[in-house]
Amino acid sequence: MEIDVIKEKISNALVSILGHNNFEMHDELTAKDVDGWDSLSHMMIITKIEEELNIRFKLRDLNKLKNMGSLVSVIQSKI
């Protein structure tokens, strides 16, 4: 799957859960950069991404997440 498609699906999950698109998708984007992205919404976003991409993250995958670039890399390794 193309990186652009993965980023679009991630963006859609963020908008769906957070209810806004007041952020710019880039590899260095972190939760602290996005209004409303807290620990609870983080788990909802991860669940939404799993559903949209038909994948399942393991705990070790989630521990690797530092920013949007690392999320995309983990997703690519699962597809």
N, C-alpha and C. Protein backbone atom coordinates (compact mmCIF):
# COMPACT_ATOMS: atom_id res chain seq x y z
N MET A 1 0.85 -1.18 0.00
CA MET A 1 0.00 0.00 0.00
C MET A 1 0.90 1.24 0.00
N GLU A 2 0.52 2.22 -0.78
CA GLU A 2 1.29 3.45 -0.92
C GLU A 2 1.28 4.26 0.39
N ILE A 3 2.38 4.94 0.66
CA ILE A 3 2.49 5.76 1.86
C ILE A 3 1.40 6.83 1.89
N ASP A 4 1.10 7.42 0.75
CA ASP A 4 0.06 8.46 0.70
C ASP A 4 -1.30 7.92 1.11
N VAL A 5 -1.60 6.69 0.72
CA VAL A 5 -2.88 6.06 1.08
C VAL A 5 -2.90 5.79 2.59
N ILE A 6 -1.79 5.31 3.13
CA ILE A 6 -1.71 5.06 4.57
C ILE A 6 -1.91 6.36 5.34
N LYS A 7 -1.22 7.42 4.92
CA LYS A 7 -1.36 8.71 5.61
C LYS A 7 -2.78 9.26 5.51
N GLU A 8 -3.42 9.05 4.37
CA GLU A 8 -4.80 9.50 4.21
C GLU A 8 -5.72 8.76 5.18
N LYS A 9 -5.52 7.46 5.33
CA LYS A 9 -6.35 6.67 6.25
C LYS A 9 -6.10 7.07 7.70
N ILE A 10 -4.84 7.36 8.03
CA ILE A 10 -4.52 7.85 9.38
C ILE A 10 -5.20 9.19 9.61
N SER A 11 -5.07 10.08 8.65
CA SER A 11 -5.70 11.40 8.75
C SER A 11 -7.20 11.28 8.94
N ASN A 12 -7.83 10.39 8.18
CA ASN A 12 -9.28 10.18 8.31
C ASN A 12 -9.63 9.69 9.70
N ALA A 13 -8.81 8.82 10.27
CA ALA A 13 -9.05 8.31 11.63
C ALA A 13 -8.93 9.45 12.64
N LEU A 14 -7.92 10.29 12.48
CA LEU A 14 -7.76 11.42 13.38
C LEU A 14 -8.96 12.35 13.32
N VAL A 15 -9.38 12.70 12.13
CA VAL A 15 -10.54 13.59 11.96
C VAL A 15 -11.79 12.96 12.55
N SER A 16 -11.98 11.67 12.30
CA SER A 16 -13.15 10.96 12.80
C SER A 16 -13.21 10.97 14.32
N ILE A 17 -12.11 10.72 14.98
CA ILE A 17 -12.07 10.63 16.44
C ILE A 17 -12.02 12.01 17.09
N LEU A 18 -11.20 12.90 16.55
CA LEU A 18 -10.99 14.20 17.18
C LEU A 18 -12.04 15.24 16.78
N GLY A 19 -12.69 15.02 15.64
CA GLY A 19 -13.73 15.93 15.19
C GLY A 19 -13.22 17.22 14.58
N HIS A 20 -11.96 17.27 14.20
CA HIS A 20 -11.41 18.44 13.51
C HIS A 20 -10.21 18.01 12.66
N ASN A 21 -9.83 18.91 11.77
CA ASN A 21 -8.65 18.66 10.94
C ASN A 21 -7.65 19.81 11.06
N ASN A 22 -7.52 20.33 12.27
CA ASN A 22 -6.61 21.45 12.54
C ASN A 22 -5.19 20.94 12.79
N PHE A 23 -4.66 20.21 11.84
CA PHE A 23 -3.30 19.69 11.93
C PHE A 23 -2.79 19.45 10.52
N GLU A 24 -1.49 19.42 10.39
CA GLU A 24 -0.86 19.14 9.10
C GLU A 24 -0.12 17.83 9.22
N MET A 25 -0.44 16.89 8.36
CA MET A 25 0.20 15.58 8.38
C MET A 25 1.65 15.70 7.91
N HIS A 26 2.58 15.31 8.78
CA HIS A 26 3.99 15.21 8.42
C HIS A 26 4.64 14.18 9.34
N ASP A 27 5.78 13.69 8.97
CA ASP A 27 6.42 12.58 9.69
C ASP A 27 6.75 12.92 11.14
N GLU A 28 6.98 14.18 11.47
CA GLU A 28 7.35 14.56 12.83
C GLU A 28 6.14 14.87 13.71
N LEU A 29 4.93 14.77 13.17
CA LEU A 29 3.72 15.08 13.93
C LEU A 29 3.59 14.13 15.12
N THR A 30 3.30 14.71 16.30
CA THR A 30 3.08 13.91 17.51
C THR A 30 1.74 14.31 18.12
N ALA A 31 1.30 13.53 19.08
CA ALA A 31 0.01 13.78 19.74
C ALA A 31 -0.02 15.16 20.38
N LYS A 32 1.08 15.61 20.94
CA LYS A 32 1.10 16.91 21.61
C LYS A 32 0.91 18.07 20.63
N ASP A 33 1.09 17.81 19.33
CA ASP A 33 0.92 18.84 18.31
C ASP A 33 -0.53 19.01 17.88
N VAL A 34 -1.42 18.12 18.32
CA VAL A 34 -2.81 18.10 17.84
C VAL A 34 -3.76 18.29 19.02
N ASP A 35 -4.60 19.32 18.94
CA ASP A 35 -5.58 19.59 19.98
C ASP A 35 -6.52 18.40 20.18
N GLY A 36 -6.68 18.00 21.44
CA GLY A 36 -7.62 16.93 21.76
C GLY A 36 -7.06 15.53 21.68
N TRP A 37 -5.80 15.38 21.25
CA TRP A 37 -5.20 14.05 21.14
C TRP A 37 -4.55 13.71 22.48
N ASP A 38 -5.33 13.05 23.33
CA ASP A 38 -4.85 12.65 24.64
C ASP A 38 -4.76 11.12 24.69
N SER A 39 -4.54 10.56 25.87
CA SER A 39 -4.33 9.12 25.97
C SER A 39 -5.57 8.32 25.58
N LEU A 40 -6.75 8.81 25.95
CA LEU A 40 -7.98 8.10 25.58
C LEU A 40 -8.22 8.16 24.08
N SER A 41 -8.12 9.36 23.51
CA SER A 41 -8.34 9.48 22.06
C SER A 41 -7.25 8.73 21.29
N HIS A 42 -6.05 8.62 21.87
CA HIS A 42 -4.97 7.87 21.22
C HIS A 42 -5.39 6.41 21.00
N MET A 43 -5.94 5.80 22.03
CA MET A 43 -6.36 4.40 21.90
C MET A 43 -7.52 4.27 20.92
N MET A 44 -8.40 5.26 20.89
CA MET A 44 -9.50 5.24 19.92
C MET A 44 -8.98 5.38 18.50
N ILE A 45 -7.97 6.22 18.32
CA ILE A 45 -7.35 6.41 17.00
C ILE A 45 -6.67 5.12 16.54
N ILE A 46 -5.92 4.50 17.44
CA ILE A 46 -5.24 3.24 17.11
C ILE A 46 -6.26 2.18 16.70
N THR A 47 -7.35 2.07 17.46
CA THR A 47 -8.40 1.10 17.15
C THR A 47 -9.02 1.39 15.79
N LYS A 48 -9.28 2.66 15.50
CA LYS A 48 -9.86 3.05 14.22
C LYS A 48 -8.91 2.69 13.07
N ILE A 49 -7.62 2.93 13.25
CA ILE A 49 -6.63 2.60 12.23
C ILE A 49 -6.61 1.09 12.00
N GLU A 50 -6.64 0.32 13.08
CA GLU A 50 -6.67 -1.14 12.95
C GLU A 50 -7.88 -1.59 12.14
N GLU A 51 -9.03 -1.00 12.42
CA GLU A 51 -10.26 -1.37 11.69
C GLU A 51 -10.17 -0.97 10.22
N GLU A 52 -9.71 0.24 9.96
CA GLU A 52 -9.64 0.75 8.58
C GLU A 52 -8.66 -0.04 7.72
N LEU A 53 -7.55 -0.45 8.31
CA LEU A 53 -6.50 -1.13 7.54
C LEU A 53 -6.50 -2.64 7.73
N ASN A 54 -7.43 -3.12 8.55
CA ASN A 54 -7.55 -4.56 8.81
C ASN A 54 -6.22 -5.15 9.30
N ILE A 55 -5.65 -4.47 10.31
CA ILE A 55 -4.41 -4.93 10.94
C ILE A 55 -4.62 -4.96 12.45
N ARG A 56 -3.69 -5.55 13.16
CA ARG A 56 -3.70 -5.55 14.62
C ARG A 56 -2.30 -5.19 15.10
N PHE A 57 -2.23 -4.18 15.96
CA PHE A 57 -0.97 -3.80 16.56
C PHE A 57 -0.70 -4.66 17.79
N LYS A 58 0.55 -4.99 17.99
CA LYS A 58 0.98 -5.67 19.21
C LYS A 58 1.57 -4.60 20.12
N LEU A 59 1.71 -4.92 21.39
CA LEU A 59 2.25 -3.96 22.34
C LEU A 59 3.62 -3.45 21.91
N ARG A 60 4.45 -4.35 21.38
CA ARG A 60 5.79 -3.91 20.95
C ARG A 60 5.70 -2.93 19.78
N ASP A 61 4.67 -3.07 18.93
CA ASP A 61 4.46 -2.11 17.84
C ASP A 61 4.13 -0.74 18.41
N LEU A 62 3.24 -0.72 19.40
CA LEU A 62 2.81 0.55 19.99
C LEU A 62 3.96 1.22 20.73
N ASN A 63 4.85 0.44 21.29
CA ASN A 63 6.01 1.01 21.99
C ASN A 63 7.00 1.68 21.04
N LYS A 64 6.94 1.33 19.77
CA LYS A 64 7.82 1.91 18.76
C LYS A 64 7.34 3.28 18.28
N LEU A 65 6.10 3.63 18.59
CA LEU A 65 5.51 4.85 18.05
C LEU A 65 6.07 6.09 18.74
N LYS A 66 6.75 6.90 17.96
CA LYS A 66 7.32 8.16 18.45
C LYS A 66 6.67 9.36 17.77
N ASN A 67 6.27 9.16 16.51
CA ASN A 67 5.66 10.23 15.72
C ASN A 67 4.93 9.60 14.54
N MET A 68 4.39 10.44 13.67
CA MET A 68 3.62 9.93 12.54
C MET A 68 4.47 9.08 11.61
N GLY A 69 5.72 9.44 11.42
CA GLY A 69 6.60 8.65 10.57
C GLY A 69 6.79 7.23 11.08
N SER A 70 6.93 7.08 12.40
CA SER A 70 7.10 5.74 12.96
C SER A 70 5.80 4.94 12.86
N LEU A 71 4.65 5.63 12.99
CA LEU A 71 3.36 4.95 12.82
C LEU A 71 3.22 4.41 11.40
N VAL A 72 3.57 5.21 10.43
CA VAL A 72 3.50 4.78 9.02
C VAL A 72 4.42 3.58 8.80
N SER A 73 5.63 3.62 9.37
CA SER A 73 6.56 2.50 9.21
C SER A 73 6.03 1.21 9.81
N VAL A 74 5.44 1.30 11.01
CA VAL A 74 4.88 0.12 11.64
C VAL A 74 3.73 -0.43 10.80
N ILE A 75 2.89 0.46 10.29
CA ILE A 75 1.76 0.02 9.45
C ILE A 75 2.29 -0.68 8.20
N GLN A 76 3.31 -0.12 7.56
CA GLN A 76 3.87 -0.73 6.36
C GLN A 76 4.40 -2.13 6.66
N SER A 77 4.96 -2.33 7.82
CA SER A 77 5.50 -3.64 8.17
C SER A 77 4.39 -4.68 8.39
N LYS A 78 3.18 -4.21 8.63
CA LYS A 78 2.06 -5.10 8.90
C LYS A 78 1.25 -5.42 7.65
N ILE A 79 1.41 -4.62 6.62
CA ILE A 79 0.60 -4.80 5.40
C ILE A 79 1.33 -5.69 4.42
